[in-house]
């Protein structure tokens, strides 16, 4: 089961994410949007959205660089495993709290505001709830990591991630004995990858490059009603 969940399931999730996104963009491009509800209850949306997106972006790129950078690179730079773990806990903790507060505001808004709820689908609420749960798990792993600052468990997670990405055999063996919170965090993250092409998350990989060369102004025309003439004229 450990080999399936952490050695095979990652490839299933990543394959579905990539192929599903390509098929959706090809077959149903008009659904490729975030379906923003910004015009409804704008203030809470703006504050929550900024906190959530900034926090998630920091976490995403932090995970990407932290997990996939070879351990030998950190050793060559003189960065100890313990120092890297403390840095990851600090930066990840701050970004995680930001994202959790923002995500909680967005989820509360979708669940309690009748107008926003009418504009929301089950997939919208479900994926946001999963992201909030993932943030909670991520912050909980910091409490586990704080109990041992030698960086050993962190290097096991790095070895697993690099084994999956670089197609190395036996990747699942690296995390066979890590704390169950880390395993649950990984499984939920992979499940979010699996669901990615079926939700609004697809807008994350759409870069609006056309805005770089489009005109800086827009022409807006209104349909004017003909002026009414006075009866005496």
C-alpha atoms as a PDB file:
ATOM      1  CA  UNK A   1       0.000   0.000   0.000  1.00  0.00           C
ATOM      2  CA  UNK A   2       2.869   2.399   0.792  1.00  0.00           C
ATOM      3  CA  UNK A   3       4.338   1.734  -2.663  1.00  0.00           C
ATOM      4  CA  UNK A   4       0.966   2.344  -4.351  1.00  0.00           C
ATOM      5  CA  UNK A   5       0.120   5.536  -2.460  1.00  0.00           C
ATOM      6  CA  UNK A   6       3.554   7.139  -2.707  1.00  0.00           C
ATOM      7  CA  UNK A   7       5.120   5.358  -5.683  1.00  0.00           C
ATOM      8  CA  UNK A   8       2.264   4.867  -8.167  1.00  0.00           C
ATOM      9  CA  UNK A   9      -0.530   7.277  -7.145  1.00  0.00           C
ATOM     10  CA  UNK A  10       1.698  10.345  -7.746  1.00  0.00           C
ATOM     11  CA  UNK A  11       2.047   9.390 -11.424  1.00  0.00           C
ATOM     12  CA  UNK A  12      -1.695   8.763 -11.729  1.00  0.00           C
ATOM     13  CA  UNK A  13      -2.477  12.180 -10.243  1.00  0.00           C
ATOM     14  CA  UNK A  14       0.099  14.029 -12.356  1.00  0.00           C
ATOM     15  CA  UNK A  15      -0.984  12.252 -15.565  1.00  0.00           C
ATOM     16  CA  UNK A  16      -4.655  13.070 -14.985  1.00  0.00           C
ATOM     17  CA  UNK A  17      -3.744  16.677 -14.166  1.00  0.00           C
ATOM     18  CA  UNK A  18      -1.734  17.177 -17.372  1.00  0.00           C
ATOM     19  CA  UNK A  19      -3.900  15.234 -19.834  1.00  0.00           C
ATOM     20  CA  UNK A  20      -7.158  16.404 -18.254  1.00  0.00           C
ATOM     21  CA  UNK A  21      -6.080  20.048 -18.478  1.00  0.00           C
ATOM     22  CA  UNK A  22      -5.079  19.683 -22.133  1.00  0.00           C
ATOM     23  CA  UNK A  23      -8.364  17.966 -23.039  1.00  0.00           C
ATOM     24  CA  UNK A  24     -10.447  20.532 -21.173  1.00  0.00           C
ATOM     25  CA  UNK A  25      -8.675  23.451 -22.829  1.00  0.00           C
ATOM     26  CA  UNK A  26      -9.151  21.837 -26.226  1.00  0.00           C
ATOM     27  CA  UNK A  27     -12.740  20.675 -25.824  1.00  0.00           C
ATOM     28  CA  UNK A  28     -14.252  23.320 -23.542  1.00  0.00           C
ATOM     29  CA  UNK A  29     -12.081  26.469 -23.618  1.00  0.00           C
ATOM     30  CA  UNK A  30     -14.918  28.762 -22.490  1.00  0.00           C
ATOM     31  CA  UNK A  31     -14.955  27.019 -19.100  1.00  0.00           C
ATOM     32  CA  UNK A  32     -11.259  27.861 -18.614  1.00  0.00           C
ATOM     33  CA  UNK A  33     -11.726  30.724 -16.180  1.00  0.00           C
ATOM     34  CA  UNK A  34     -11.774  31.538 -12.492  1.00  0.00           C
ATOM     35  CA  UNK A  35     -15.470  32.548 -12.522  1.00  0.00           C
ATOM     36  CA  UNK A  36     -14.711  35.437 -10.201  1.00  0.00           C
ATOM     37  CA  UNK A  37     -17.469  36.723  -7.924  1.00  0.00           C
ATOM     38  CA  UNK A  38     -15.560  39.908  -7.122  1.00  0.00           C
ATOM     39  CA  UNK A  39     -18.519  42.193  -7.786  1.00  0.00           C
ATOM     40  CA  UNK A  40     -20.353  40.472  -4.935  1.00  0.00           C
ATOM     41  CA  UNK A  41     -19.181  41.472  -1.445  1.00  0.00           C
ATOM     42  CA  UNK A  42     -16.036  43.011  -2.883  1.00  0.00           C
ATOM     43  CA  UNK A  43     -14.150  44.077   0.273  1.00  0.00           C
ATOM     44  CA  UNK A  44     -13.987  40.633   1.868  1.00  0.00           C
ATOM     45  CA  UNK A  45     -13.123  39.127  -1.503  1.00  0.00           C
ATOM     46  CA  UNK A  46     -10.183  41.465  -2.123  1.00  0.00           C
ATOM     47  CA  UNK A  47      -8.642  41.040   1.341  1.00  0.00           C
ATOM     48  CA  UNK A  48      -9.145  37.276   1.401  1.00  0.00           C
ATOM     49  CA  UNK A  49      -8.006  36.814  -2.186  1.00  0.00           C
ATOM     50  CA  UNK A  50      -4.780  38.778  -1.734  1.00  0.00           C
ATOM     51  CA  UNK A  51      -3.842  36.945   1.463  1.00  0.00           C
ATOM     52  CA  UNK A  52      -4.725  33.565  -0.015  1.00  0.00           C
ATOM     53  CA  UNK A  53      -2.974  33.988  -3.367  1.00  0.00           C
ATOM     54  CA  UNK A  54       0.210  35.552  -1.964  1.00  0.00           C
ATOM     55  CA  UNK A  55       0.466  32.861   0.705  1.00  0.00           C
ATOM     56  CA  UNK A  56      -0.201  30.008  -1.729  1.00  0.00           C
ATOM     57  CA  UNK A  57       2.326  31.311  -4.271  1.00  0.00           C
ATOM     58  CA  UNK A  58       5.048  31.546  -1.609  1.00  0.00           C
ATOM     59  CA  UNK A  59       4.219  28.030  -0.400  1.00  0.00           C
ATOM     60  CA  UNK A  60       4.129  26.596  -3.938  1.00  0.00           C
ATOM     61  CA  UNK A  61       7.479  27.980  -5.046  1.00  0.00           C
ATOM     62  CA  UNK A  62       8.968  27.257  -1.640  1.00  0.00           C
ATOM     63  CA  UNK A  63       7.950  23.606  -1.937  1.00  0.00           C
ATOM     64  CA  UNK A  64       9.122  23.478  -5.554  1.00  0.00           C
ATOM     65  CA  UNK A  65      12.574  24.816  -4.788  1.00  0.00           C
ATOM     66  CA  UNK A  66      12.957  23.230  -1.387  1.00  0.00           C
ATOM     67  CA  UNK A  67      11.942  19.705  -2.375  1.00  0.00           C
ATOM     68  CA  UNK A  68      13.449  19.457  -5.852  1.00  0.00           C
ATOM     69  CA  UNK A  69      16.811  21.134  -5.253  1.00  0.00           C
ATOM     70  CA  UNK A  70      19.385  18.335  -4.805  1.00  0.00           C
ATOM     71  CA  UNK A  71      20.612  17.963  -1.257  1.00  0.00           C
ATOM     72  CA  UNK A  72      24.184  18.204  -2.563  1.00  0.00           C
ATOM     73  CA  UNK A  73      23.517  21.799  -3.627  1.00  0.00           C
ATOM     74  CA  UNK A  74      22.647  22.842  -0.064  1.00  0.00           C
ATOM     75  CA  UNK A  75      25.694  20.972   1.220  1.00  0.00           C
ATOM     76  CA  UNK A  76      27.920  22.755  -1.299  1.00  0.00           C
ATOM     77  CA  UNK A  77      26.499  26.117  -0.201  1.00  0.00           C
ATOM     78  CA  UNK A  78      27.228  25.279   3.426  1.00  0.00           C
ATOM     79  CA  UNK A  79      23.549  25.256   4.430  1.00  0.00           C
ATOM     80  CA  UNK A  80      22.990  22.584   7.043  1.00  0.00           C
ATOM     81  CA  UNK A  81      19.898  20.403   7.061  1.00  0.00           C
ATOM     82  CA  UNK A  82      18.806  21.896  10.342  1.00  0.00           C
ATOM     83  CA  UNK A  83      19.158  25.473   9.059  1.00  0.00           C
ATOM     84  CA  UNK A  84      17.159  24.648   5.933  1.00  0.00           C
ATOM     85  CA  UNK A  85      14.439  23.079   8.063  1.00  0.00           C
ATOM     86  CA  UNK A  86      14.187  26.161  10.300  1.00  0.00           C
ATOM     87  CA  UNK A  87      14.032  28.404   7.228  1.00  0.00           C
ATOM     88  CA  UNK A  88      11.312  26.250   5.669  1.00  0.00           C
ATOM     89  CA  UNK A  89       9.323  26.220   8.913  1.00  0.00           C
ATOM     90  CA  UNK A  90       9.561  30.000   9.316  1.00  0.00           C
ATOM     91  CA  UNK A  91       8.785  31.031   5.740  1.00  0.00           C
ATOM     92  CA  UNK A  92       6.227  28.279   5.285  1.00  0.00           C
ATOM     93  CA  UNK A  93       4.574  29.103   8.595  1.00  0.00           C
ATOM     94  CA  UNK A  94       4.141  32.790   7.779  1.00  0.00           C
ATOM     95  CA  UNK A  95       2.891  32.094   4.258  1.00  0.00           C
ATOM     96  CA  UNK A  96       0.679  29.275   5.524  1.00  0.00           C
ATOM     97  CA  UNK A  97      -1.034  31.494   8.095  1.00  0.00           C
ATOM     98  CA  UNK A  98      -1.608  34.177   5.440  1.00  0.00           C
ATOM     99  CA  UNK A  99      -3.099  31.671   3.030  1.00  0.00           C
ATOM    100  CA  UNK A 100      -5.213  30.036   5.736  1.00  0.00           C
ATOM    101  CA  UNK A 101      -6.683  33.351   6.886  1.00  0.00           C
ATOM    102  CA  UNK A 102      -7.389  34.375   3.306  1.00  0.00           C
ATOM    103  CA  UNK A 103      -8.789  30.971   2.374  1.00  0.00           C
ATOM    104  CA  UNK A 104     -10.976  30.958   5.476  1.00  0.00           C
ATOM    105  CA  UNK A 105     -12.384  34.359   4.517  1.00  0.00           C
ATOM    106  CA  UNK A 106     -13.119  33.192   0.978  1.00  0.00           C
ATOM    107  CA  UNK A 107     -14.733  29.962   2.183  1.00  0.00           C
ATOM    108  CA  UNK A 108     -16.834  31.817   4.787  1.00  0.00           C
ATOM    109  CA  UNK A 109     -17.945  34.230   2.080  1.00  0.00           C
ATOM    110  CA  UNK A 110     -19.036  31.416  -0.234  1.00  0.00           C
ATOM    111  CA  UNK A 111     -20.907  29.568   2.486  1.00  0.00           C
ATOM    112  CA  UNK A 112     -22.700  32.472   4.169  1.00  0.00           C
ATOM    113  CA  UNK A 113     -23.459  35.050   1.493  1.00  0.00           C
ATOM    114  CA  UNK A 114     -26.663  34.063  -0.396  1.00  0.00           C
ATOM    115  CA  UNK A 115     -25.661  35.876  -3.594  1.00  0.00           C
ATOM    116  CA  UNK A 116     -22.180  34.353  -3.673  1.00  0.00           C
ATOM    117  CA  UNK A 117     -23.581  30.935  -2.786  1.00  0.00           C
ATOM    118  CA  UNK A 118     -26.002  31.163  -5.723  1.00  0.00           C
ATOM    119  CA  UNK A 119     -23.015  31.849  -7.981  1.00  0.00           C
ATOM    120  CA  UNK A 120     -20.999  28.951  -6.515  1.00  0.00           C
ATOM    121  CA  UNK A 121     -20.882  25.339  -7.692  1.00  0.00           C
ATOM    122  CA  UNK A 122     -20.179  22.295  -5.546  1.00  0.00           C
ATOM    123  CA  UNK A 123     -16.775  21.965  -7.216  1.00  0.00           C
ATOM    124  CA  UNK A 124     -15.917  25.579  -6.305  1.00  0.00           C
ATOM    125  CA  UNK A 125     -16.716  25.084  -2.628  1.00  0.00           C
ATOM    126  CA  UNK A 126     -15.226  21.599  -2.512  1.00  0.00           C
ATOM    127  CA  UNK A 127     -11.830  22.493  -3.952  1.00  0.00           C
ATOM    128  CA  UNK A 128     -11.561  25.569  -1.715  1.00  0.00           C
ATOM    129  CA  UNK A 129     -12.389  23.435   1.327  1.00  0.00           C
ATOM    130  CA  UNK A 130      -9.690  20.933   0.296  1.00  0.00           C
ATOM    131  CA  UNK A 131      -7.150  23.732  -0.085  1.00  0.00           C
ATOM    132  CA  UNK A 132      -7.993  25.064   3.383  1.00  0.00           C
ATOM    133  CA  UNK A 133      -7.677  21.545   4.807  1.00  0.00           C
ATOM    134  CA  UNK A 134      -4.321  21.174   3.074  1.00  0.00           C
ATOM    135  CA  UNK A 135      -3.123  24.414   4.640  1.00  0.00           C
ATOM    136  CA  UNK A 136      -4.195  23.190   8.082  1.00  0.00           C
ATOM    137  CA  UNK A 137      -2.256  19.950   7.561  1.00  0.00           C
ATOM    138  CA  UNK A 138       0.781  21.862   6.345  1.00  0.00           C
ATOM    139  CA  UNK A 139       0.807  24.067   9.441  1.00  0.00           C
ATOM    140  CA  UNK A 140       0.323  20.980  11.633  1.00  0.00           C
ATOM    141  CA  UNK A 141       3.457  19.396  10.137  1.00  0.00           C
ATOM    142  CA  UNK A 142       5.436  22.404  11.391  1.00  0.00           C
ATOM    143  CA  UNK A 143       4.553  21.389  14.949  1.00  0.00           C
ATOM    144  CA  UNK A 144       5.898  17.900  14.223  1.00  0.00           C
ATOM    145  CA  UNK A 145       9.074  19.271  12.635  1.00  0.00           C
ATOM    146  CA  UNK A 146       9.670  21.548  15.628  1.00  0.00           C
ATOM    147  CA  UNK A 147      10.167  18.473  17.821  1.00  0.00           C
ATOM    148  CA  UNK A 148      13.366  17.526  15.959  1.00  0.00           C
ATOM    149  CA  UNK A 149      15.371  20.191  14.161  1.00  0.00           C
ATOM    150  CA  UNK A 150      18.068  17.939  12.721  1.00  0.00           C
ATOM    151  CA  UNK A 151      16.483  18.010   9.258  1.00  0.00           C
ATOM    152  CA  UNK A 152      16.470  14.236   8.896  1.00  0.00           C
ATOM    153  CA  UNK A 153      12.766  13.882   8.075  1.00  0.00           C
ATOM    154  CA  UNK A 154      13.016  16.812   5.676  1.00  0.00           C
ATOM    155  CA  UNK A 155      15.767  15.101   3.698  1.00  0.00           C
ATOM    156  CA  UNK A 156      13.590  11.980   3.429  1.00  0.00           C
ATOM    157  CA  UNK A 157      10.766  14.065   1.944  1.00  0.00           C
ATOM    158  CA  UNK A 158      13.228  15.685  -0.473  1.00  0.00           C
ATOM    159  CA  UNK A 159      14.530  12.281  -1.537  1.00  0.00           C
ATOM    160  CA  UNK A 160      10.967  11.068  -2.144  1.00  0.00           C
ATOM    161  CA  UNK A 161       9.980  14.124  -4.217  1.00  0.00           C
ATOM    162  CA  UNK A 162      13.144  13.983  -6.312  1.00  0.00           C
ATOM    163  CA  UNK A 163      12.720  10.230  -6.771  1.00  0.00           C
ATOM    164  CA  UNK A 164       9.209  10.775  -8.173  1.00  0.00           C
ATOM    165  CA  UNK A 165      10.130  13.683 -10.449  1.00  0.00           C
ATOM    166  CA  UNK A 166      13.369  12.140 -11.716  1.00  0.00           C
ATOM    167  CA  UNK A 167      11.731   8.693 -12.198  1.00  0.00           C
ATOM    168  CA  UNK A 168      13.909   6.881  -9.690  1.00  0.00           C
ATOM    169  CA  UNK A 169      12.870   3.466  -8.415  1.00  0.00           C
ATOM    170  CA  UNK A 170      12.077   2.924  -4.750  1.00  0.00           C
ATOM    171  CA  UNK A 171      10.989   6.525  -4.132  1.00  0.00           C
ATOM    172  CA  UNK A 172       8.192   5.425  -1.804  1.00  0.00           C
ATOM    173  CA  UNK A 173      10.666   3.688   0.501  1.00  0.00           C
ATOM    174  CA  UNK A 174      12.136   7.032   1.568  1.00  0.00           C
ATOM    175  CA  UNK A 175       8.974   8.075   3.419  1.00  0.00           C
ATOM    176  CA  UNK A 176       7.789   4.690   4.648  1.00  0.00           C
ATOM    177  CA  UNK A 177       8.470   5.682   8.260  1.00  0.00           C
ATOM    178  CA  UNK A 178       7.827   9.436   8.307  1.00  0.00           C
ATOM    179  CA  UNK A 179       5.103  10.888  10.539  1.00  0.00           C
ATOM    180  CA  UNK A 180       1.548  10.183   9.361  1.00  0.00           C
ATOM    181  CA  UNK A 181       0.789  13.910   9.127  1.00  0.00           C
ATOM    182  CA  UNK A 182       3.378  14.286   6.371  1.00  0.00           C
ATOM    183  CA  UNK A 183       1.871  11.321   4.521  1.00  0.00           C
ATOM    184  CA  UNK A 184      -1.643  12.730   4.801  1.00  0.00           C
ATOM    185  CA  UNK A 185      -0.381  16.118   3.622  1.00  0.00           C
ATOM    186  CA  UNK A 186       1.220  14.480   0.572  1.00  0.00           C
ATOM    187  CA  UNK A 187      -1.858  12.391  -0.257  1.00  0.00           C
ATOM    188  CA  UNK A 188      -4.204  15.367  -0.075  1.00  0.00           C
ATOM    189  CA  UNK A 189      -1.820  17.382  -2.237  1.00  0.00           C
ATOM    190  CA  UNK A 190      -1.759  14.621  -4.856  1.00  0.00           C
ATOM    191  CA  UNK A 191      -5.564  14.422  -4.748  1.00  0.00           C
ATOM    192  CA  UNK A 192      -5.756  18.166  -5.433  1.00  0.00           C
ATOM    193  CA  UNK A 193      -3.505  17.544  -8.466  1.00  0.00           C
ATOM    194  CA  UNK A 194      -5.919  14.798  -9.552  1.00  0.00           C
ATOM    195  CA  UNK A 195      -8.931  17.120  -9.292  1.00  0.00           C
ATOM    196  CA  UNK A 196      -7.115  20.096 -10.816  1.00  0.00           C
ATOM    197  CA  UNK A 197      -8.449  19.875 -14.409  1.00  0.00           C
ATOM    198  CA  UNK A 198     -12.058  19.551 -13.221  1.00  0.00           C
ATOM    199  CA  UNK A 199     -12.098  22.747 -11.146  1.00  0.00           C
ATOM    200  CA  UNK A 200     -11.479  26.473 -11.474  1.00  0.00           C
ATOM    201  CA  UNK A 201      -7.853  25.912 -10.472  1.00  0.00           C
ATOM    202  CA  UNK A 202      -6.972  25.607 -14.164  1.00  0.00           C
ATOM    203  CA  UNK A 203      -6.790  29.406 -14.368  1.00  0.00           C
ATOM    204  CA  UNK A 204      -3.511  29.157 -12.435  1.00  0.00           C
ATOM    205  CA  UNK A 205      -1.659  28.037 -15.569  1.00  0.00           C
ATOM    206  CA  UNK A 206      -3.124  30.712 -17.833  1.00  0.00           C
ATOM    207  CA  UNK A 207      -0.707  33.607 -18.177  1.00  0.00           C
ATOM    208  CA  UNK A 208      -2.395  36.676 -19.724  1.00  0.00           C
ATOM    209  CA  UNK A 209       0.527  37.486 -22.032  1.00  0.00           C
ATOM    210  CA  UNK A 210      -1.802  39.179 -24.536  1.00  0.00           C
ATOM    211  CA  UNK A 211      -2.180  42.069 -22.112  1.00  0.00           C
ATOM    212  CA  UNK A 212       1.462  42.972 -22.769  1.00  0.00           C
ATOM    213  CA  UNK A 213       0.756  44.175 -26.306  1.00  0.00           C
ATOM    214  CA  UNK A 214      -2.933  45.050 -26.347  1.00  0.00           C
ATOM    215  CA  UNK A 215      -3.847  48.777 -26.485  1.00  0.00           C
ATOM    216  CA  UNK A 216      -3.772  50.590 -23.179  1.00  0.00           C
ATOM    217  CA  UNK A 217      -7.283  51.876 -23.719  1.00  0.00           C
ATOM    218  CA  UNK A 218     -10.672  50.383 -24.549  1.00  0.00           C
ATOM    219  CA  UNK A 219     -13.367  51.883 -26.732  1.00  0.00           C
ATOM    220  CA  UNK A 220     -16.789  51.603 -25.146  1.00  0.00           C
ATOM    221  CA  UNK A 221     -19.841  52.588 -27.167  1.00  0.00           C
ATOM    222  CA  UNK A 222     -23.313  53.056 -25.768  1.00  0.00           C
ATOM    223  CA  UNK A 223     -26.564  52.966 -27.676  1.00  0.00           C
ATOM    224  CA  UNK A 224     -28.059  56.442 -27.312  1.00  0.00           C
ATOM    225  CA  UNK A 225     -31.778  56.973 -27.560  1.00  0.00           C
ATOM    226  CA  UNK A 226     -32.770  59.677 -30.057  1.00  0.00           C
ATOM    227  CA  UNK A 227     -33.514  62.974 -28.363  1.00  0.00           C
ATOM    228  CA  UNK A 228     -37.200  63.701 -27.951  1.00  0.00           C
ATOM    229  CA  UNK A 229     -38.379  66.803 -29.765  1.00  0.00           C
ATOM    230  CA  UNK A 230     -40.721  69.321 -28.187  1.00  0.00           C
ATOM    231  CA  UNK A 231     -44.284  69.142 -29.581  1.00  0.00           C
ATOM    232  CA  UNK A 232     -44.126  72.805 -30.573  1.00  0.00           C
ATOM    233  CA  UNK A 233     -41.134  72.230 -32.849  1.00  0.00           C
END
